[in-house]
């Protein structure tokens, strides 16, 4: 499947191990667009969005190949314990689930957050993915 899932606790360990900021780890290479979905256990909106996001990822990856990277950050909330969710909110600065971000990396300014929205319409998300991908390609060529 084109959407790779990363457990939030594993991602926290990667941040601690590398000392790099979260967005830098999620968008390591120039010339690509990175679509990030932050989702939580038992979140009705996350469950509704998942099939649509999977479909967009499948269609757009088929068209653009490795220029697009789709990642789902999975936040656990066992039995109402929101401590992991609060840590995720501290790292990503989001409030609602699901939150979608589109990132790209520049040569001179690092990772840029191009877009952020909670539960966006998939047509809006797809349009912004295309714009971000074109921008990422242009910026990668300018510095080459």
Protein backbone atom coordinates (compact mmCIF):
# COMPACT_ATOMS: atom_id res chain seq x y z
CA UNK A 1 0.00 0.00 0.00
CA UNK A 2 1.29 3.48 -0.87
CA UNK A 3 0.59 4.92 2.62
CA UNK A 4 3.28 3.86 5.06
CA UNK A 5 2.21 3.74 8.72
CA UNK A 6 4.61 4.79 11.45
CA UNK A 7 3.74 4.26 15.10
CA UNK A 8 4.11 7.54 16.96
CA UNK A 9 6.19 5.95 19.75
CA UNK A 10 8.66 4.64 17.14
CA UNK A 11 8.83 8.10 15.62
CA UNK A 12 9.54 9.62 19.04
CA UNK A 13 12.46 7.20 19.42
CA UNK A 14 13.81 8.24 16.02
CA UNK A 15 13.64 11.91 17.06
CA UNK A 16 15.48 11.14 20.31
CA UNK A 17 18.10 9.03 18.54
CA UNK A 18 18.88 11.52 15.75
CA UNK A 19 18.18 14.79 17.54
CA UNK A 20 16.56 16.06 14.33
CA UNK A 21 13.28 17.99 14.26
CA UNK A 22 10.19 15.93 13.42
CA UNK A 23 9.42 17.61 10.11
CA UNK A 24 13.01 17.20 8.93
CA UNK A 25 12.76 13.46 9.57
CA UNK A 26 9.47 13.25 7.68
CA UNK A 27 10.73 15.16 4.63
CA UNK A 28 14.37 14.21 4.15
CA UNK A 29 14.84 14.72 0.38
CA UNK A 30 14.41 17.74 -1.90
CA UNK A 31 12.27 17.38 -5.02
CA UNK A 32 9.53 15.35 -3.35
CA UNK A 33 6.24 16.14 -1.64
CA UNK A 34 5.46 14.38 1.63
CA UNK A 35 1.84 13.90 2.64
CA UNK A 36 1.49 13.26 6.36
CA UNK A 37 -1.72 12.13 8.08
CA UNK A 38 -1.69 12.22 11.86
CA UNK A 39 -4.35 9.76 13.06
CA UNK A 40 -5.44 8.38 16.42
CA UNK A 41 -7.02 5.17 17.68
CA UNK A 42 -10.82 5.15 17.79
CA UNK A 43 -11.09 8.42 15.89
CA UNK A 44 -14.25 8.31 13.73
CA UNK A 45 -12.98 11.00 11.33
CA UNK A 46 -9.66 9.14 10.94
CA UNK A 47 -11.53 5.96 10.06
CA UNK A 48 -13.70 7.81 7.52
CA UNK A 49 -10.69 9.47 5.91
CA UNK A 50 -8.45 6.40 5.65
CA UNK A 51 -9.99 4.78 2.54
CA UNK A 52 -10.07 8.10 0.64
CA UNK A 53 -6.47 8.90 1.55
CA UNK A 54 -5.42 5.39 0.55
CA UNK A 55 -7.13 5.86 -2.83
CA UNK A 56 -5.46 9.23 -3.43
CA UNK A 57 -2.10 7.75 -2.48
CA UNK A 58 -2.59 4.81 -4.81
CA UNK A 59 -3.68 6.97 -7.77
CA UNK A 60 -1.10 9.71 -7.30
CA UNK A 61 1.77 7.33 -6.61
CA UNK A 62 0.91 5.52 -9.82
CA UNK A 63 1.12 8.84 -11.67
CA UNK A 64 4.12 10.42 -9.87
CA UNK A 65 6.03 7.44 -8.50
CA UNK A 66 8.59 8.09 -5.79
CA UNK A 67 8.18 11.88 -6.07
CA UNK A 68 5.30 11.53 -3.61
CA UNK A 69 5.58 9.97 -0.16
CA UNK A 70 2.49 9.23 1.93
CA UNK A 71 2.90 8.59 5.66
CA UNK A 72 0.32 7.96 8.37
CA UNK A 73 1.49 8.70 11.92
CA UNK A 74 -0.53 6.42 14.21
CA UNK A 75 -1.14 7.74 17.70
CA UNK A 76 -2.47 5.27 20.25
CA UNK A 77 -5.02 6.17 22.90
CA UNK A 78 -5.69 3.05 24.97
CA UNK A 79 -8.76 3.19 27.22
CA UNK A 80 -8.96 6.96 27.12
CA UNK A 81 -5.34 7.52 28.14
CA UNK A 82 -4.39 10.58 26.13
CA UNK A 83 -0.72 10.91 27.17
CA UNK A 84 0.59 9.72 23.78
CA UNK A 85 -1.83 12.04 22.02
CA UNK A 86 -0.62 14.98 24.11
CA UNK A 87 3.02 14.19 23.26
CA UNK A 88 2.11 14.02 19.56
CA UNK A 89 0.37 17.38 19.83
CA UNK A 90 3.49 18.85 21.43
CA UNK A 91 5.66 17.60 18.57
CA UNK A 92 3.38 18.38 15.62
CA UNK A 93 1.48 21.34 17.02
CA UNK A 94 -1.90 20.01 15.90
CA UNK A 95 -5.14 19.92 17.81
CA UNK A 96 -7.60 17.74 15.89
CA UNK A 97 -7.47 14.27 14.38
CA UNK A 98 -6.92 13.58 11.59
CA UNK A 99 -4.54 16.38 10.72
CA UNK A 100 -3.03 16.33 7.26
CA UNK A 101 0.17 18.12 6.34
CA UNK A 102 2.05 18.46 3.09
CA UNK A 103 5.78 19.05 3.40
CA UNK A 104 8.68 19.51 1.05
CA UNK A 105 12.35 20.07 1.62
CA UNK A 106 14.39 22.93 0.26
CA UNK A 107 18.13 22.99 -0.24
CA UNK A 108 18.68 26.19 1.73
CA UNK A 109 15.78 26.45 4.22
CA UNK A 110 15.19 22.84 5.24
CA UNK A 111 11.72 21.38 5.51
CA UNK A 112 8.78 23.62 4.68
CA UNK A 113 5.23 22.94 5.78
CA UNK A 114 3.24 23.86 2.71
CA UNK A 115 -0.24 22.85 3.89
CA UNK A 116 -2.07 21.81 7.06
CA UNK A 117 -5.72 21.05 7.67
CA UNK A 118 -7.84 18.80 9.84
CA UNK A 119 -10.25 16.49 7.99
CA UNK A 120 -9.90 18.30 4.65
CA UNK A 121 -11.99 17.47 1.63
CA UNK A 122 -10.02 15.03 -0.46
CA UNK A 123 -10.35 17.24 -3.56
CA UNK A 124 -8.70 20.07 -1.65
CA UNK A 125 -5.96 17.79 -0.35
CA UNK A 126 -5.27 16.38 -3.81
CA UNK A 127 -5.09 19.87 -5.36
CA UNK A 128 -2.61 21.00 -2.71
CA UNK A 129 -0.51 17.85 -3.14
CA UNK A 130 -0.13 18.64 -6.85
CA UNK A 131 0.87 22.25 -6.14
CA UNK A 132 3.36 21.21 -3.46
CA UNK A 133 4.90 18.59 -5.73
CA UNK A 134 5.38 21.10 -8.55
CA UNK A 135 6.87 23.61 -6.11
CA UNK A 136 9.21 20.99 -4.67
CA UNK A 137 10.42 20.07 -8.17
CA UNK A 138 11.03 23.71 -9.11
CA UNK A 139 12.97 24.41 -5.91
CA UNK A 140 15.06 21.25 -6.36
CA UNK A 141 16.02 22.33 -9.91
CA UNK A 142 16.90 25.88 -8.86
CA UNK A 143 19.60 24.71 -6.45
CA UNK A 144 21.00 21.92 -8.64
